[in-house]
Amino acid sequence: GVYWQLVRAGFRRQSHYRLAMLAGL
């Protein structure tokens, strides 16, 4: 459960970098 929460936290963390994702695309 702890590791699953860390997976979710990483997913949310990356979702904050929308401009970086656009630049990467």
mmCIF file of all heavy atoms, coordinates in Angstrom:
data_MODEL
# 
_entry.id   MODEL 
# 
loop_
_atom_site.group_PDB 
_atom_site.id 
_atom_site.type_symbol 
_atom_site.label_atom_id 
_atom_site.label_alt_id 
_atom_site.label_comp_id 
_atom_site.label_asym_id 
_atom_site.label_entity_id 
_atom_site.label_seq_id 
_atom_site.pdbx_PDB_ins_code 
_atom_site.Cartn_x 
_atom_site.Cartn_y 
_atom_site.Cartn_z 
_atom_site.occupancy 
_atom_site.B_iso_or_equiv 
_atom_site.pdbx_formal_charge 
_atom_site.auth_seq_id 
_atom_site.auth_comp_id 
_atom_site.auth_asym_id 
_atom_site.auth_atom_id 
_atom_site.pdbx_PDB_model_num 
ATOM 1   N N   . GLY A 1 1  ? 0.808  -1.209 0.000   1.00 0.00 ? 1  GLY A N   1 
ATOM 2   C CA  . GLY A 1 1  ? 0.000  0.000  0.000   1.00 0.00 ? 1  GLY A CA  1 
ATOM 3   C C   . GLY A 1 1  ? 0.842  1.259  0.000   1.00 0.00 ? 1  GLY A C   1 
ATOM 4   O O   . GLY A 1 1  ? 0.513  2.235  -0.685  1.00 0.00 ? 1  GLY A O   1 
ATOM 5   N N   . VAL A 1 2  ? 1.940  1.240  0.729   1.00 0.00 ? 2  VAL A N   1 
ATOM 6   C CA  . VAL A 1 2  ? 2.830  2.404  0.761   1.00 0.00 ? 2  VAL A CA  1 
ATOM 7   C C   . VAL A 1 2  ? 3.436  2.640  -0.619  1.00 0.00 ? 2  VAL A C   1 
ATOM 8   O O   . VAL A 1 2  ? 3.460  3.778  -1.116  1.00 0.00 ? 2  VAL A O   1 
ATOM 9   C CB  . VAL A 1 2  ? 3.948  2.199  1.804   1.00 0.00 ? 2  VAL A CB  1 
ATOM 10  C CG1 . VAL A 1 2  ? 5.011  3.288  1.666   1.00 0.00 ? 2  VAL A CG1 1 
ATOM 11  C CG2 . VAL A 1 2  ? 3.375  2.208  3.210   1.00 0.00 ? 2  VAL A CG2 1 
ATOM 12  N N   . TYR A 1 3  ? 3.913  1.584  -1.260  1.00 0.00 ? 3  TYR A N   1 
ATOM 13  C CA  . TYR A 1 3  ? 4.527  1.740  -2.574  1.00 0.00 ? 3  TYR A CA  1 
ATOM 14  C C   . TYR A 1 3  ? 3.494  2.191  -3.611  1.00 0.00 ? 3  TYR A C   1 
ATOM 15  O O   . TYR A 1 3  ? 3.814  2.976  -4.508  1.00 0.00 ? 3  TYR A O   1 
ATOM 16  C CB  . TYR A 1 3  ? 5.192  0.435  -3.009  1.00 0.00 ? 3  TYR A CB  1 
ATOM 17  C CG  . TYR A 1 3  ? 6.379  0.053  -2.151  1.00 0.00 ? 3  TYR A CG  1 
ATOM 18  C CD1 . TYR A 1 3  ? 6.458  -1.195 -1.538  1.00 0.00 ? 3  TYR A CD1 1 
ATOM 19  C CD2 . TYR A 1 3  ? 7.421  0.951  -1.942  1.00 0.00 ? 3  TYR A CD2 1 
ATOM 20  C CE1 . TYR A 1 3  ? 7.538  -1.540 -0.749  1.00 0.00 ? 3  TYR A CE1 1 
ATOM 21  C CE2 . TYR A 1 3  ? 8.510  0.614  -1.150  1.00 0.00 ? 3  TYR A CE2 1 
ATOM 22  C CZ  . TYR A 1 3  ? 8.552  -0.633 -0.556  1.00 0.00 ? 3  TYR A CZ  1 
ATOM 23  O OH  . TYR A 1 3  ? 9.632  -0.961 0.240   1.00 0.00 ? 3  TYR A OH  1 
ATOM 24  N N   . TRP A 1 4  ? 2.266  1.694  -3.482  1.00 0.00 ? 4  TRP A N   1 
ATOM 25  C CA  . TRP A 1 4  ? 1.210  2.127  -4.395  1.00 0.00 ? 4  TRP A CA  1 
ATOM 26  C C   . TRP A 1 4  ? 0.924  3.615  -4.218  1.00 0.00 ? 4  TRP A C   1 
ATOM 27  O O   . TRP A 1 4  ? 0.705  4.333  -5.200  1.00 0.00 ? 4  TRP A O   1 
ATOM 28  C CB  . TRP A 1 4  ? -0.045 1.293  -4.188  1.00 0.00 ? 4  TRP A CB  1 
ATOM 29  C CG  . TRP A 1 4  ? -1.227 1.766  -4.980  1.00 0.00 ? 4  TRP A CG  1 
ATOM 30  C CD1 . TRP A 1 4  ? -2.406 2.248  -4.511  1.00 0.00 ? 4  TRP A CD1 1 
ATOM 31  C CD2 . TRP A 1 4  ? -1.328 1.807  -6.408  1.00 0.00 ? 4  TRP A CD2 1 
ATOM 32  N NE1 . TRP A 1 4  ? -3.242 2.592  -5.535  1.00 0.00 ? 4  TRP A NE1 1 
ATOM 33  C CE2 . TRP A 1 4  ? -2.605 2.327  -6.722  1.00 0.00 ? 4  TRP A CE2 1 
ATOM 34  C CE3 . TRP A 1 4  ? -0.463 1.457  -7.454  1.00 0.00 ? 4  TRP A CE3 1 
ATOM 35  C CZ2 . TRP A 1 4  ? -3.032 2.510  -8.035  1.00 0.00 ? 4  TRP A CZ2 1 
ATOM 36  C CZ3 . TRP A 1 4  ? -0.894 1.634  -8.761  1.00 0.00 ? 4  TRP A CZ3 1 
ATOM 37  C CH2 . TRP A 1 4  ? -2.159 2.149  -9.033  1.00 0.00 ? 4  TRP A CH2 1 
ATOM 38  N N   . GLN A 1 5  ? 0.947  4.072  -2.989  1.00 0.00 ? 5  GLN A N   1 
ATOM 39  C CA  . GLN A 1 5  ? 0.752  5.505  -2.751  1.00 0.00 ? 5  GLN A CA  1 
ATOM 40  C C   . GLN A 1 5  ? 1.901  6.318  -3.354  1.00 0.00 ? 5  GLN A C   1 
ATOM 41  O O   . GLN A 1 5  ? 1.688  7.433  -3.845  1.00 0.00 ? 5  GLN A O   1 
ATOM 42  C CB  . GLN A 1 5  ? 0.652  5.778  -1.242  1.00 0.00 ? 5  GLN A CB  1 
ATOM 43  C CG  . GLN A 1 5  ? -0.629 5.259  -0.597  1.00 0.00 ? 5  GLN A CG  1 
ATOM 44  C CD  . GLN A 1 5  ? -1.879 5.859  -1.229  1.00 0.00 ? 5  GLN A CD  1 
ATOM 45  O OE1 . GLN A 1 5  ? -1.922 7.047  -1.540  1.00 0.00 ? 5  GLN A OE1 1 
ATOM 46  N NE2 . GLN A 1 5  ? -2.893 5.025  -1.416  1.00 0.00 ? 5  GLN A NE2 1 
ATOM 47  N N   . LEU A 1 6  ? 3.099  5.767  -3.333  1.00 0.00 ? 6  LEU A N   1 
ATOM 48  C CA  . LEU A 1 6  ? 4.233  6.456  -3.946  1.00 0.00 ? 6  LEU A CA  1 
ATOM 49  C C   . LEU A 1 6  ? 4.088  6.511  -5.472  1.00 0.00 ? 6  LEU A C   1 
ATOM 50  O O   . LEU A 1 6  ? 4.457  7.502  -6.104  1.00 0.00 ? 6  LEU A O   1 
ATOM 51  C CB  . LEU A 1 6  ? 5.537  5.759  -3.575  1.00 0.00 ? 6  LEU A CB  1 
ATOM 52  C CG  . LEU A 1 6  ? 5.998  5.950  -2.125  1.00 0.00 ? 6  LEU A CG  1 
ATOM 53  C CD1 . LEU A 1 6  ? 7.178  5.035  -1.810  1.00 0.00 ? 6  LEU A CD1 1 
ATOM 54  C CD2 . LEU A 1 6  ? 6.385  7.402  -1.870  1.00 0.00 ? 6  LEU A CD2 1 
ATOM 55  N N   . VAL A 1 7  ? 3.545  5.443  -6.060  1.00 0.00 ? 7  VAL A N   1 
ATOM 56  C CA  . VAL A 1 7  ? 3.262  5.465  -7.498  1.00 0.00 ? 7  VAL A CA  1 
ATOM 57  C C   . VAL A 1 7  ? 2.263  6.573  -7.812  1.00 0.00 ? 7  VAL A C   1 
ATOM 58  O O   . VAL A 1 7  ? 2.458  7.365  -8.759  1.00 0.00 ? 7  VAL A O   1 
ATOM 59  C CB  . VAL A 1 7  ? 2.705  4.103  -7.966  1.00 0.00 ? 7  VAL A CB  1 
ATOM 60  C CG1 . VAL A 1 7  ? 2.221  4.194  -9.413  1.00 0.00 ? 7  VAL A CG1 1 
ATOM 61  C CG2 . VAL A 1 7  ? 3.779  3.014  -7.846  1.00 0.00 ? 7  VAL A CG2 1 
ATOM 62  N N   . ARG A 1 8  ? 1.220  6.672  -7.030  1.00 0.00 ? 8  ARG A N   1 
ATOM 63  C CA  . ARG A 1 8  ? 0.216  7.706  -7.252  1.00 0.00 ? 8  ARG A CA  1 
ATOM 64  C C   . ARG A 1 8  ? 0.800  9.101  -7.043  1.00 0.00 ? 8  ARG A C   1 
ATOM 65  O O   . ARG A 1 8  ? 0.487  10.036 -7.793  1.00 0.00 ? 8  ARG A O   1 
ATOM 66  C CB  . ARG A 1 8  ? -0.969 7.486  -6.314  1.00 0.00 ? 8  ARG A CB  1 
ATOM 67  C CG  . ARG A 1 8  ? -1.741 6.199  -6.574  1.00 0.00 ? 8  ARG A CG  1 
ATOM 68  C CD  . ARG A 1 8  ? -2.872 6.015  -5.590  1.00 0.00 ? 8  ARG A CD  1 
ATOM 69  N NE  . ARG A 1 8  ? -3.835 7.111  -5.662  1.00 0.00 ? 8  ARG A NE  1 
ATOM 70  C CZ  . ARG A 1 8  ? -4.870 7.252  -4.833  1.00 0.00 ? 8  ARG A CZ  1 
ATOM 71  N NH1 . ARG A 1 8  ? -5.035 6.369  -3.846  1.00 0.00 ? 8  ARG A NH1 1 
ATOM 72  N NH2 . ARG A 1 8  ? -5.694 8.256  -4.978  1.00 0.00 ? 8  ARG A NH2 1 
ATOM 73  N N   . ALA A 1 9  ? 1.662  9.226  -6.044  1.00 0.00 ? 9  ALA A N   1 
ATOM 74  C CA  . ALA A 1 9  ? 2.295  10.524 -5.793  1.00 0.00 ? 9  ALA A CA  1 
ATOM 75  C C   . ALA A 1 9  ? 3.191  10.927 -6.964  1.00 0.00 ? 9  ALA A C   1 
ATOM 76  O O   . ALA A 1 9  ? 3.216  12.101 -7.367  1.00 0.00 ? 9  ALA A O   1 
ATOM 77  C CB  . ALA A 1 9  ? 3.112  10.467 -4.501  1.00 0.00 ? 9  ALA A CB  1 
ATOM 78  N N   . GLY A 1 10 ? 3.915  9.967  -7.526  1.00 0.00 ? 10 GLY A N   1 
ATOM 79  C CA  . GLY A 1 10 ? 4.741  10.267 -8.688  1.00 0.00 ? 10 GLY A CA  1 
ATOM 80  C C   . GLY A 1 10 ? 3.913  10.671 -9.888  1.00 0.00 ? 10 GLY A C   1 
ATOM 81  O O   . GLY A 1 10 ? 4.281  11.580 -10.646 1.00 0.00 ? 10 GLY A O   1 
ATOM 82  N N   . PHE A 1 11 ? 2.771  10.023 -10.073 1.00 0.00 ? 11 PHE A N   1 
ATOM 83  C CA  . PHE A 1 11 ? 1.858  10.366 -11.165 1.00 0.00 ? 11 PHE A CA  1 
ATOM 84  C C   . PHE A 1 11 ? 1.355  11.798 -11.012 1.00 0.00 ? 11 PHE A C   1 
ATOM 85  O O   . PHE A 1 11 ? 1.373  12.585 -11.968 1.00 0.00 ? 11 PHE A O   1 
ATOM 86  C CB  . PHE A 1 11 ? 0.687  9.381  -11.167 1.00 0.00 ? 11 PHE A CB  1 
ATOM 87  C CG  . PHE A 1 11 ? -0.213 9.491  -12.366 1.00 0.00 ? 11 PHE A CG  1 
ATOM 88  C CD1 . PHE A 1 11 ? 0.007  8.706  -13.482 1.00 0.00 ? 11 PHE A CD1 1 
ATOM 89  C CD2 . PHE A 1 11 ? -1.281 10.376 -12.373 1.00 0.00 ? 11 PHE A CD2 1 
ATOM 90  C CE1 . PHE A 1 11 ? -0.824 8.793  -14.591 1.00 0.00 ? 11 PHE A CE1 1 
ATOM 91  C CE2 . PHE A 1 11 ? -2.119 10.481 -13.473 1.00 0.00 ? 11 PHE A CE2 1 
ATOM 92  C CZ  . PHE A 1 11 ? -1.888 9.678  -14.583 1.00 0.00 ? 11 PHE A CZ  1 
ATOM 93  N N   . ARG A 1 12 ? 0.929  12.147 -9.790  1.00 0.00 ? 12 ARG A N   1 
ATOM 94  C CA  . ARG A 1 12 ? 0.437  13.511 -9.543  1.00 0.00 ? 12 ARG A CA  1 
ATOM 95  C C   . ARG A 1 12 ? 1.565  14.532 -9.687  1.00 0.00 ? 12 ARG A C   1 
ATOM 96  O O   . ARG A 1 12 ? 1.349  15.631 -10.216 1.00 0.00 ? 12 ARG A O   1 
ATOM 97  C CB  . ARG A 1 12 ? -0.180 13.604 -8.146  1.00 0.00 ? 12 ARG A CB  1 
ATOM 98  C CG  . ARG A 1 12 ? -1.493 12.855 -7.986  1.00 0.00 ? 12 ARG A CG  1 
ATOM 99  C CD  . ARG A 1 12 ? -2.193 13.260 -6.702  1.00 0.00 ? 12 ARG A CD  1 
ATOM 100 N NE  . ARG A 1 12 ? -1.382 13.013 -5.522  1.00 0.00 ? 12 ARG A NE  1 
ATOM 101 C CZ  . ARG A 1 12 ? -1.405 11.880 -4.842  1.00 0.00 ? 12 ARG A CZ  1 
ATOM 102 N NH1 . ARG A 1 12 ? -2.204 10.885 -5.218  1.00 0.00 ? 12 ARG A NH1 1 
ATOM 103 N NH2 . ARG A 1 12 ? -0.652 11.726 -3.772  1.00 0.00 ? 12 ARG A NH2 1 
ATOM 104 N N   . ARG A 1 13 ? 2.735  14.181 -9.217  1.00 0.00 ? 13 ARG A N   1 
ATOM 105 C CA  . ARG A 1 13 ? 3.882  15.094 -9.314  1.00 0.00 ? 13 ARG A CA  1 
ATOM 106 C C   . ARG A 1 13 ? 4.183  15.435 -10.767 1.00 0.00 ? 13 ARG A C   1 
ATOM 107 O O   . ARG A 1 13 ? 4.388  16.603 -11.113 1.00 0.00 ? 13 ARG A O   1 
ATOM 108 C CB  . ARG A 1 13 ? 5.099  14.452 -8.653  1.00 0.00 ? 13 ARG A CB  1 
ATOM 109 C CG  . ARG A 1 13 ? 6.403  15.232 -8.833  1.00 0.00 ? 13 ARG A CG  1 
ATOM 110 C CD  . ARG A 1 13 ? 7.563  14.461 -8.221  1.00 0.00 ? 13 ARG A CD  1 
ATOM 111 N NE  . ARG A 1 13 ? 8.846  15.106 -8.495  1.00 0.00 ? 13 ARG A NE  1 
ATOM 112 C CZ  . ARG A 1 13 ? 10.017 14.611 -8.131  1.00 0.00 ? 13 ARG A CZ  1 
ATOM 113 N NH1 . ARG A 1 13 ? 10.068 13.474 -7.450  1.00 0.00 ? 13 ARG A NH1 1 
ATOM 114 N NH2 . ARG A 1 13 ? 11.141 15.244 -8.440  1.00 0.00 ? 13 ARG A NH2 1 
ATOM 115 N N   . GLN A 1 14 ? 4.196  14.426 -11.623 1.00 0.00 ? 14 GLN A N   1 
ATOM 116 C CA  . GLN A 1 14 ? 4.513  14.670 -13.026 1.00 0.00 ? 14 GLN A CA  1 
ATOM 117 C C   . GLN A 1 14 ? 3.410  15.466 -13.725 1.00 0.00 ? 14 GLN A C   1 
ATOM 118 O O   . GLN A 1 14 ? 3.687  16.223 -14.654 1.00 0.00 ? 14 GLN A O   1 
ATOM 119 C CB  . GLN A 1 14 ? 4.726  13.337 -13.748 1.00 0.00 ? 14 GLN A CB  1 
ATOM 120 C CG  . GLN A 1 14 ? 5.383  13.450 -15.105 1.00 0.00 ? 14 GLN A CG  1 
ATOM 121 C CD  . GLN A 1 14 ? 6.846  13.836 -15.018 1.00 0.00 ? 14 GLN A CD  1 
ATOM 122 O OE1 . GLN A 1 14 ? 7.410  13.952 -13.932 1.00 0.00 ? 14 GLN A OE1 1 
ATOM 123 N NE2 . GLN A 1 14 ? 7.481  14.034 -16.150 1.00 0.00 ? 14 GLN A NE2 1 
ATOM 124 N N   . SER A 1 15 ? 2.175  15.330 -13.264 1.00 0.00 ? 15 SER A N   1 
ATOM 125 C CA  . SER A 1 15 ? 1.054  16.041 -13.900 1.00 0.00 ? 15 SER A CA  1 
ATOM 126 C C   . SER A 1 15 ? 1.136  17.544 -13.704 1.00 0.00 ? 15 SER A C   1 
ATOM 127 O O   . SER A 1 15 ? 0.443  18.295 -14.394 1.00 0.00 ? 15 SER A O   1 
ATOM 128 C CB  . SER A 1 15 ? -0.277 15.515 -13.344 1.00 0.00 ? 15 SER A CB  1 
ATOM 129 O OG  . SER A 1 15 ? -0.440 15.889 -11.974 1.00 0.00 ? 15 SER A OG  1 
ATOM 130 N N   . HIS A 1 16 ? 1.964  18.005 -12.781 1.00 0.00 ? 16 HIS A N   1 
ATOM 131 C CA  . HIS A 1 16 ? 2.100  19.441 -12.539 1.00 0.00 ? 16 HIS A CA  1 
ATOM 132 C C   . HIS A 1 16 ? 3.000  20.122 -13.571 1.00 0.00 ? 16 HIS A C   1 
ATOM 133 O O   . HIS A 1 16 ? 3.005  21.345 -13.665 1.00 0.00 ? 16 HIS A O   1 
ATOM 134 C CB  . HIS A 1 16 ? 2.669  19.686 -11.139 1.00 0.00 ? 16 HIS A CB  1 
ATOM 135 C CG  . HIS A 1 16 ? 1.743  19.241 -10.046 1.00 0.00 ? 16 HIS A CG  1 
ATOM 136 N ND1 . HIS A 1 16 ? 2.178  18.896 -8.787  1.00 0.00 ? 16 HIS A ND1 1 
ATOM 137 C CD2 . HIS A 1 16 ? 0.399  19.071 -10.035 1.00 0.00 ? 16 HIS A CD2 1 
ATOM 138 C CE1 . HIS A 1 16 ? 1.150  18.545 -8.036  1.00 0.00 ? 16 HIS A CE1 1 
ATOM 139 N NE2 . HIS A 1 16 ? 0.056  18.640 -8.772  1.00 0.00 ? 16 HIS A NE2 1 
ATOM 140 N N   . TYR A 1 17 ? 3.752  19.328 -14.338 1.00 0.00 ? 17 TYR A N   1 
ATOM 141 C CA  . TYR A 1 17 ? 4.716  19.904 -15.282 1.00 0.00 ? 17 TYR A CA  1 
ATOM 142 C C   . TYR A 1 17 ? 4.145  19.875 -16.700 1.00 0.00 ? 17 TYR A C   1 
ATOM 143 O O   . TYR A 1 17 ? 4.707  19.272 -17.612 1.00 0.00 ? 17 TYR A O   1 
ATOM 144 C CB  . TYR A 1 17 ? 6.041  19.138 -15.210 1.00 0.00 ? 17 TYR A CB  1 
ATOM 145 C CG  . TYR A 1 17 ? 6.692  19.185 -13.853 1.00 0.00 ? 17 TYR A CG  1 
ATOM 146 C CD1 . TYR A 1 17 ? 6.595  18.110 -12.966 1.00 0.00 ? 17 TYR A CD1 1 
ATOM 147 C CD2 . TYR A 1 17 ? 7.405  20.303 -13.449 1.00 0.00 ? 17 TYR A CD2 1 
ATOM 148 C CE1 . TYR A 1 17 ? 7.194  18.148 -11.714 1.00 0.00 ? 17 TYR A CE1 1 
ATOM 149 C CE2 . TYR A 1 17 ? 8.008  20.353 -12.194 1.00 0.00 ? 17 TYR A CE2 1 
ATOM 150 C CZ  . TYR A 1 17 ? 7.898  19.270 -11.343 1.00 0.00 ? 17 TYR A CZ  1 
ATOM 151 O OH  . TYR A 1 17 ? 8.484  19.312 -10.098 1.00 0.00 ? 17 TYR A OH  1 
ATOM 152 N N   . ARG A 1 18 ? 3.038  20.566 -16.894 1.00 0.00 ? 18 ARG A N   1 
ATOM 153 C CA  . ARG A 1 18 ? 2.346  20.506 -18.183 1.00 0.00 ? 18 ARG A CA  1 
ATOM 154 C C   . ARG A 1 18 ? 3.159  21.172 -19.294 1.00 0.00 ? 18 ARG A C   1 
ATOM 155 O O   . ARG A 1 18 ? 3.219  20.659 -20.410 1.00 0.00 ? 18 ARG A O   1 
ATOM 156 C CB  . ARG A 1 18 ? 0.970  21.164 -18.057 1.00 0.00 ? 18 ARG A CB  1 
ATOM 157 C CG  . ARG A 1 18 ? 0.016  20.398 -17.141 1.00 0.00 ? 18 ARG A CG  1 
ATOM 158 C CD  . ARG A 1 18 ? -1.369 21.022 -17.119 1.00 0.00 ? 18 ARG A CD  1 
ATOM 159 N NE  . ARG A 1 18 ? -2.278 20.255 -16.275 1.00 0.00 ? 18 ARG A NE  1 
ATOM 160 C CZ  . ARG A 1 18 ? -2.449 20.467 -14.974 1.00 0.00 ? 18 ARG A CZ  1 
ATOM 161 N NH1 . ARG A 1 18 ? -1.758 21.433 -14.365 1.00 0.00 ? 18 ARG A NH1 1 
ATOM 162 N NH2 . ARG A 1 18 ? -3.293 19.728 -14.276 1.00 0.00 ? 18 ARG A NH2 1 
ATOM 163 N N   . LEU A 1 19 ? 3.776  22.308 -18.998 1.00 0.00 ? 19 LEU A N   1 
ATOM 164 C CA  . LEU A 1 19 ? 4.573  22.983 -20.025 1.00 0.00 ? 19 LEU A CA  1 
ATOM 165 C C   . LEU A 1 19 ? 5.795  22.148 -20.404 1.00 0.00 ? 19 LEU A C   1 
ATOM 166 O O   . LEU A 1 19 ? 6.190  22.102 -21.572 1.00 0.00 ? 19 LEU A O   1 
ATOM 167 C CB  . LEU A 1 19 ? 5.009  24.368 -19.544 1.00 0.00 ? 19 LEU A CB  1 
ATOM 168 C CG  . LEU A 1 19 ? 3.908  25.435 -19.483 1.00 0.00 ? 19 LEU A CG  1 
ATOM 169 C CD1 . LEU A 1 19 ? 4.468  26.751 -18.958 1.00 0.00 ? 19 LEU A CD1 1 
ATOM 170 C CD2 . LEU A 1 19 ? 3.280  25.627 -20.864 1.00 0.00 ? 19 LEU A CD2 1 
ATOM 171 N N   . ALA A 1 20 ? 6.391  21.505 -19.412 1.00 0.00 ? 20 ALA A N   1 
ATOM 172 C CA  . ALA A 1 20 ? 7.531  20.635 -19.699 1.00 0.00 ? 20 ALA A CA  1 
ATOM 173 C C   . ALA A 1 20 ? 7.098  19.456 -20.569 1.00 0.00 ? 20 ALA A C   1 
ATOM 174 O O   . ALA A 1 20 ? 7.828  19.032 -21.480 1.00 0.00 ? 20 ALA A O   1 
ATOM 175 C CB  . ALA A 1 20 ? 8.152  20.134 -18.403 1.00 0.00 ? 20 ALA A CB  1 
ATOM 176 N N   . MET A 1 21 ? 5.903  18.924 -20.312 1.00 0.00 ? 21 MET A N   1 
ATOM 177 C CA  . MET A 1 21 ? 5.388  17.837 -21.135 1.00 0.00 ? 21 MET A CA  1 
ATOM 178 C C   . MET A 1 21 ? 5.150  18.300 -22.565 1.00 0.00 ? 21 MET A C   1 
ATOM 179 O O   . MET A 1 21 ? 5.446  17.589 -23.536 1.00 0.00 ? 21 MET A O   1 
ATOM 180 C CB  . MET A 1 21 ? 4.085  17.294 -20.536 1.00 0.00 ? 21 MET A CB  1 
ATOM 181 C CG  . MET A 1 21 ? 4.237  16.582 -19.200 1.00 0.00 ? 21 MET A CG  1 
ATOM 182 S SD  . MET A 1 21 ? 5.164  15.035 -19.287 1.00 0.00 ? 21 MET A SD  1 
ATOM 183 C CE  . MET A 1 21 ? 6.757  15.594 -18.659 1.00 0.00 ? 21 MET A CE  1 
ATOM 184 N N   . LEU A 1 22 ? 4.619  19.519 -22.726 1.00 0.00 ? 22 LEU A N   1 
ATOM 185 C CA  . LEU A 1 22 ? 4.393  20.070 -24.060 1.00 0.00 ? 22 LEU A CA  1 
ATOM 186 C C   . LEU A 1 22 ? 5.718  20.264 -24.796 1.00 0.00 ? 22 LEU A C   1 
ATOM 187 O O   . LEU A 1 22 ? 5.847  19.926 -25.985 1.00 0.00 ? 22 LEU A O   1 
ATOM 188 C CB  . LEU A 1 22 ? 3.634  21.391 -23.966 1.00 0.00 ? 22 LEU A CB  1 
ATOM 189 C CG  . LEU A 1 22 ? 3.375  22.119 -25.299 1.00 0.00 ? 22 LEU A CG  1 
ATOM 190 C CD1 . LEU A 1 22 ? 2.546  21.240 -26.229 1.00 0.00 ? 22 LEU A CD1 1 
ATOM 191 C CD2 . LEU A 1 22 ? 2.683  23.455 -25.044 1.00 0.00 ? 22 LEU A CD2 1 
ATOM 192 N N   . ALA A 1 23 ? 6.709  20.805 -24.090 1.00 0.00 ? 23 ALA A N   1 
ATOM 193 C CA  . ALA A 1 23 ? 8.033  20.988 -24.698 1.00 0.00 ? 23 ALA A CA  1 
ATOM 194 C C   . ALA A 1 23 ? 8.634  19.641 -25.095 1.00 0.00 ? 23 ALA A C   1 
ATOM 195 O O   . ALA A 1 23 ? 9.243  19.503 -26.166 1.00 0.00 ? 23 ALA A O   1 
ATOM 196 C CB  . ALA A 1 23 ? 8.959  21.721 -23.732 1.00 0.00 ? 23 ALA A CB  1 
ATOM 197 N N   . GLY A 1 24 ? 8.462  18.638 -24.246 1.00 0.00 ? 24 GLY A N   1 
ATOM 198 C CA  . GLY A 1 24 ? 8.967  17.305 -24.562 1.00 0.00 ? 24 GLY A CA  1 
ATOM 199 C C   . GLY A 1 24 ? 8.272  16.716 -25.776 1.00 0.00 ? 24 GLY A C   1 
ATOM 200 O O   . GLY A 1 24 ? 8.909  16.068 -26.614 1.00 0.00 ? 24 GLY A O   1 
ATOM 201 N N   . LEU A 1 25 ? 6.962  16.949 -25.884 1.00 0.00 ? 25 LEU A N   1 
ATOM 202 C CA  . LEU A 1 25 ? 6.217  16.444 -27.042 1.00 0.00 ? 25 LEU A CA  1 
ATOM 203 C C   . LEU A 1 25 ? 6.718  17.095 -28.327 1.00 0.00 ? 25 LEU A C   1 
ATOM 204 O O   . LEU A 1 25 ? 6.930  16.415 -29.338 1.00 0.00 ? 25 LEU A O   1 
ATOM 205 C CB  . LEU A 1 25 ? 4.726  16.722 -26.860 1.00 0.00 ? 25 LEU A CB  1 
ATOM 206 C CG  . LEU A 1 25 ? 3.837  16.426 -28.069 1.00 0.00 ? 25 LEU A CG  1 
ATOM 207 C CD1 . LEU A 1 25 ? 3.931  14.961 -28.462 1.00 0.00 ? 25 LEU A CD1 1 
ATOM 208 C CD2 . LEU A 1 25 ? 2.391  16.828 -27.777 1.00 0.00 ? 25 LEU A CD2 1 
# 
